[in-house]
Amino acid sequence: MTRPVKRSFSIKGHRTSISIEAPFWDALRQAAAQEGMALAALVAQIDANRGEAGLSSAVRVWVLDYFREGTKSAPASEVTSPATAPKPGGIARL
């Protein structure tokens, strides 16, 4: 198991950081590319739909759901929390 890698982002003008393992970063970058989004835009979309979960946890769950479900599903408006899953393709294009 690799140690978490920390990266910082600005979301709605607020600096925040995410600590996730390198394989999750790789998968998140792959998902962003498949969705035609910048990594920061994808993280912002996950943040907007994460509910009460921490951002790092929400990203991990989103990545897991993305690759479990494939690349197409419900629109972002139907996604309310990582527990109900931001699904692949369920992100709004920014």
N, C-alpha and C. Protein backbone atom coordinates (compact mmCIF):
# COMPACT_ATOMS: atom_id res chain seq x y z
N MET A 1 0.86 -1.18 0.00
CA MET A 1 0.00 0.00 0.00
C MET A 1 0.90 1.23 0.00
N THR A 2 0.53 2.18 -0.82
CA THR A 2 1.30 3.42 -0.88
C THR A 2 0.75 4.42 0.13
N ARG A 3 1.60 5.34 0.51
CA ARG A 3 1.18 6.41 1.41
C ARG A 3 0.37 7.44 0.62
N PRO A 4 -0.57 8.11 1.26
CA PRO A 4 -1.35 9.14 0.55
C PRO A 4 -0.45 10.27 0.04
N VAL A 5 -0.84 10.79 -1.11
CA VAL A 5 -0.16 11.93 -1.73
C VAL A 5 -1.10 13.11 -1.60
N LYS A 6 -0.59 14.23 -1.11
CA LYS A 6 -1.42 15.41 -0.87
C LYS A 6 -1.27 16.38 -2.03
N ARG A 7 -2.41 16.88 -2.53
CA ARG A 7 -2.42 17.89 -3.58
C ARG A 7 -3.42 18.97 -3.19
N SER A 8 -3.14 20.19 -3.60
CA SER A 8 -4.02 21.32 -3.26
C SER A 8 -4.79 21.79 -4.48
N PHE A 9 -6.00 22.27 -4.22
CA PHE A 9 -6.89 22.80 -5.26
C PHE A 9 -7.57 24.05 -4.73
N SER A 10 -8.03 24.88 -5.66
CA SER A 10 -8.91 25.99 -5.31
C SER A 10 -10.31 25.61 -5.77
N ILE A 11 -11.25 25.62 -4.84
CA ILE A 11 -12.63 25.31 -5.16
C ILE A 11 -13.46 26.50 -4.73
N LYS A 12 -14.08 27.15 -5.70
CA LYS A 12 -14.87 28.36 -5.45
C LYS A 12 -14.07 29.39 -4.66
N GLY A 13 -12.80 29.55 -5.05
CA GLY A 13 -11.95 30.55 -4.44
C GLY A 13 -11.36 30.16 -3.09
N HIS A 14 -11.64 28.95 -2.64
CA HIS A 14 -11.15 28.47 -1.34
C HIS A 14 -10.11 27.38 -1.57
N ARG A 15 -8.91 27.54 -0.98
CA ARG A 15 -7.87 26.53 -1.11
C ARG A 15 -8.18 25.35 -0.20
N THR A 16 -8.05 24.16 -0.74
CA THR A 16 -8.25 22.94 0.03
C THR A 16 -7.27 21.89 -0.47
N SER A 17 -7.06 20.87 0.29
CA SER A 17 -6.15 19.82 -0.15
C SER A 17 -6.82 18.46 -0.01
N ILE A 18 -6.34 17.53 -0.80
CA ILE A 18 -6.83 16.17 -0.81
C ILE A 18 -5.63 15.26 -0.62
N SER A 19 -5.76 14.29 0.25
CA SER A 19 -4.73 13.28 0.45
C SER A 19 -5.31 11.92 0.08
N ILE A 20 -4.86 11.39 -1.06
CA ILE A 20 -5.29 10.06 -1.50
C ILE A 20 -4.07 9.33 -2.05
N GLU A 21 -4.17 8.03 -2.12
CA GLU A 21 -3.07 7.20 -2.59
C GLU A 21 -2.84 7.41 -4.09
N ALA A 22 -1.58 7.18 -4.51
CA ALA A 22 -1.20 7.40 -5.91
C ALA A 22 -2.11 6.68 -6.91
N PRO A 23 -2.51 5.42 -6.67
CA PRO A 23 -3.42 4.79 -7.65
C PRO A 23 -4.75 5.53 -7.79
N PHE A 24 -5.24 6.16 -6.72
CA PHE A 24 -6.47 6.95 -6.82
C PHE A 24 -6.23 8.22 -7.64
N TRP A 25 -5.07 8.85 -7.47
CA TRP A 25 -4.74 10.02 -8.29
C TRP A 25 -4.71 9.63 -9.77
N ASP A 26 -4.05 8.50 -10.06
CA ASP A 26 -3.97 8.04 -11.45
C ASP A 26 -5.37 7.80 -12.02
N ALA A 27 -6.22 7.13 -11.25
CA ALA A 27 -7.58 6.83 -11.72
C ALA A 27 -8.40 8.10 -11.86
N LEU A 28 -8.22 9.05 -10.95
CA LEU A 28 -8.96 10.32 -11.03
C LEU A 28 -8.55 11.09 -12.27
N ARG A 29 -7.26 11.12 -12.58
CA ARG A 29 -6.79 11.79 -13.80
C ARG A 29 -7.35 11.10 -15.04
N GLN A 30 -7.38 9.77 -15.02
CA GLN A 30 -7.94 9.02 -16.15
C GLN A 30 -9.42 9.33 -16.34
N ALA A 31 -10.17 9.37 -15.24
CA ALA A 31 -11.60 9.70 -15.32
C ALA A 31 -11.81 11.11 -15.85
N ALA A 32 -11.01 12.06 -15.38
CA ALA A 32 -11.13 13.45 -15.86
C ALA A 32 -10.88 13.50 -17.37
N ALA A 33 -9.87 12.79 -17.83
CA ALA A 33 -9.58 12.76 -19.27
C ALA A 33 -10.74 12.13 -20.05
N GLN A 34 -11.29 11.04 -19.53
CA GLN A 34 -12.41 10.38 -20.21
C GLN A 34 -13.64 11.27 -20.26
N GLU A 35 -13.81 12.10 -19.25
CA GLU A 35 -14.96 13.01 -19.19
C GLU A 35 -14.69 14.33 -19.89
N GLY A 36 -13.45 14.53 -20.37
CA GLY A 36 -13.09 15.76 -21.05
C GLY A 36 -13.06 16.97 -20.12
N MET A 37 -12.67 16.72 -18.88
CA MET A 37 -12.66 17.79 -17.86
C MET A 37 -11.25 17.97 -17.31
N ALA A 38 -10.98 19.16 -16.85
CA ALA A 38 -9.76 19.40 -16.09
C ALA A 38 -9.90 18.70 -14.74
N LEU A 39 -8.80 18.26 -14.18
CA LEU A 39 -8.81 17.59 -12.89
C LEU A 39 -9.46 18.47 -11.82
N ALA A 40 -9.11 19.74 -11.81
CA ALA A 40 -9.68 20.66 -10.81
C ALA A 40 -11.20 20.79 -10.95
N ALA A 41 -11.69 20.79 -12.18
CA ALA A 41 -13.14 20.89 -12.41
C ALA A 41 -13.85 19.63 -11.91
N LEU A 42 -13.24 18.48 -12.12
CA LEU A 42 -13.82 17.24 -11.64
C LEU A 42 -13.85 17.21 -10.11
N VAL A 43 -12.76 17.61 -9.48
CA VAL A 43 -12.72 17.66 -8.01
C VAL A 43 -13.77 18.64 -7.49
N ALA A 44 -13.94 19.77 -8.15
CA ALA A 44 -14.96 20.74 -7.73
C ALA A 44 -16.36 20.14 -7.85
N GLN A 45 -16.61 19.35 -8.89
CA GLN A 45 -17.92 18.72 -9.07
C GLN A 45 -18.15 17.67 -7.98
N ILE A 46 -17.14 16.88 -7.67
CA ILE A 46 -17.26 15.89 -6.60
C ILE A 46 -17.52 16.61 -5.28
N ASP A 47 -16.81 17.70 -5.04
CA ASP A 47 -17.00 18.48 -3.82
C ASP A 47 -18.43 18.99 -3.70
N ALA A 48 -18.99 19.45 -4.80
CA ALA A 48 -20.34 20.01 -4.79
C ALA A 48 -21.40 18.95 -4.47
N ASN A 49 -21.08 17.70 -4.71
CA ASN A 49 -22.06 16.62 -4.52
C ASN A 49 -21.73 15.68 -3.37
N ARG A 50 -20.78 16.02 -2.52
CA ARG A 50 -20.29 15.07 -1.53
C ARG A 50 -21.08 14.99 -0.25
N GLY A 51 -21.98 15.88 0.01
CA GLY A 51 -22.75 15.82 1.25
C GLY A 51 -21.86 16.05 2.45
N GLU A 52 -22.01 15.18 3.46
CA GLU A 52 -21.28 15.33 4.72
C GLU A 52 -19.90 14.67 4.71
N ALA A 53 -19.59 13.89 3.70
CA ALA A 53 -18.31 13.17 3.65
C ALA A 53 -17.14 14.13 3.49
N GLY A 54 -15.99 13.73 3.98
CA GLY A 54 -14.77 14.50 3.74
C GLY A 54 -14.41 14.42 2.26
N LEU A 55 -13.73 15.43 1.76
CA LEU A 55 -13.43 15.50 0.33
C LEU A 55 -12.55 14.33 -0.12
N SER A 56 -11.51 13.99 0.62
CA SER A 56 -10.66 12.87 0.23
C SER A 56 -11.45 11.57 0.14
N SER A 57 -12.30 11.33 1.12
CA SER A 57 -13.15 10.13 1.09
C SER A 57 -14.11 10.17 -0.08
N ALA A 58 -14.71 11.33 -0.32
CA ALA A 58 -15.65 11.46 -1.44
C ALA A 58 -14.98 11.18 -2.77
N VAL A 59 -13.74 11.64 -2.92
CA VAL A 59 -13.00 11.38 -4.17
C VAL A 59 -12.74 9.89 -4.32
N ARG A 60 -12.32 9.23 -3.26
CA ARG A 60 -12.07 7.78 -3.34
C ARG A 60 -13.35 7.03 -3.74
N VAL A 61 -14.45 7.36 -3.10
CA VAL A 61 -15.72 6.68 -3.40
C VAL A 61 -16.14 6.97 -4.84
N TRP A 62 -16.00 8.21 -5.27
CA TRP A 62 -16.37 8.58 -6.63
C TRP A 62 -15.56 7.77 -7.63
N VAL A 63 -14.25 7.70 -7.41
CA VAL A 63 -13.38 6.94 -8.32
C VAL A 63 -13.79 5.48 -8.36
N LEU A 64 -14.02 4.90 -7.20
CA LEU A 64 -14.44 3.51 -7.14
C LEU A 64 -15.74 3.31 -7.92
N ASP A 65 -16.74 4.15 -7.67
CA ASP A 65 -18.01 4.05 -8.37
C ASP A 65 -17.85 4.27 -9.88
N TYR A 66 -17.00 5.22 -10.25
CA TYR A 66 -16.80 5.53 -11.66
C TYR A 66 -16.35 4.30 -12.43
N PHE A 67 -15.36 3.61 -11.89
CA PHE A 67 -14.83 2.47 -12.61
C PHE A 67 -15.64 1.19 -12.40
N ARG A 68 -16.43 1.13 -11.37
CA ARG A 68 -17.36 -0.01 -11.19
C ARG A 68 -18.51 0.09 -12.18
N GLU A 69 -19.03 1.30 -12.35
CA GLU A 69 -20.25 1.51 -13.13
C GLU A 69 -20.01 1.74 -14.62
N GLY A 70 -18.81 2.02 -15.04
CA GLY A 70 -18.55 2.35 -16.43
C GLY A 70 -18.46 3.85 -16.58
N THR A 71 -18.63 4.36 -17.80
CA THR A 71 -18.42 5.78 -18.01
C THR A 71 -19.68 6.59 -18.30
N LYS A 72 -20.83 6.00 -18.26
CA LYS A 72 -22.06 6.76 -18.52
C LYS A 72 -23.11 6.45 -17.47
N SER A 73 -23.80 7.47 -16.97
CA SER A 73 -24.93 7.23 -16.05
C SER A 73 -25.74 8.50 -15.83
N ALA A 74 -26.25 8.66 -14.61
CA ALA A 74 -27.19 9.72 -14.27
C ALA A 74 -26.57 11.10 -14.31
N PRO A 75 -27.37 12.13 -14.59
CA PRO A 75 -26.87 13.50 -14.54
C PRO A 75 -26.54 13.90 -13.11
N ALA A 76 -25.66 14.90 -12.97
CA ALA A 76 -25.20 15.34 -11.65
C ALA A 76 -26.33 15.74 -10.73
N SER A 77 -27.42 16.23 -11.26
CA SER A 77 -28.55 16.65 -10.43
C SER A 77 -29.15 15.50 -9.64
N GLU A 78 -28.94 14.26 -10.11
CA GLU A 78 -29.47 13.10 -9.41
C GLU A 78 -28.53 12.57 -8.35
N VAL A 79 -27.34 13.15 -8.25
CA VAL A 79 -26.33 12.68 -7.31
C VAL A 79 -26.32 13.59 -6.09
N THR A 80 -26.51 13.00 -4.91
CA THR A 80 -26.59 13.83 -3.72
C THR A 80 -25.48 13.60 -2.73
N SER A 81 -24.85 12.44 -2.73
CA SER A 81 -23.76 12.19 -1.79
C SER A 81 -22.92 11.03 -2.27
N PRO A 82 -21.69 10.88 -1.75
CA PRO A 82 -20.87 9.75 -2.15
C PRO A 82 -21.54 8.42 -1.81
N ALA A 83 -22.35 8.37 -0.78
CA ALA A 83 -23.03 7.13 -0.42
C ALA A 83 -24.02 6.72 -1.51
N THR A 84 -24.65 7.70 -2.15
CA THR A 84 -25.54 7.38 -3.26
C THR A 84 -24.79 7.45 -4.57
N ALA A 85 -23.54 7.85 -4.50
CA ALA A 85 -22.57 7.79 -5.57
C ALA A 85 -22.66 8.87 -6.63
N PRO A 86 -21.66 9.73 -6.71
CA PRO A 86 -21.52 10.47 -7.95
C PRO A 86 -21.12 9.41 -8.97
N LYS A 87 -21.94 9.16 -9.93
CA LYS A 87 -21.71 8.07 -10.88
C LYS A 87 -20.92 8.56 -12.08
N PRO A 88 -20.29 7.64 -12.79
CA PRO A 88 -19.58 7.98 -14.00
C PRO A 88 -20.51 8.72 -14.96
N GLY A 89 -20.00 9.76 -15.54
CA GLY A 89 -20.81 10.54 -16.44
C GLY A 89 -21.85 11.35 -15.72
N GLY A 90 -21.95 11.18 -14.40
CA GLY A 90 -22.94 11.87 -13.60
C GLY A 90 -22.40 13.20 -13.10
N ILE A 91 -21.43 13.71 -13.79
CA ILE A 91 -20.86 14.99 -13.43
C ILE A 91 -21.24 16.00 -14.49
N ALA A 92 -21.50 17.18 -14.05
CA ALA A 92 -21.85 18.23 -15.00
C ALA A 92 -20.60 18.69 -15.73
N ARG A 93 -20.70 18.89 -16.96
CA ARG A 93 -19.56 19.44 -17.72
C ARG A 93 -19.48 20.92 -17.42
N LEU A 94 -18.30 21.36 -17.04
CA LEU A 94 -18.13 22.78 -16.68
C LEU A 94 -17.57 23.55 -17.84
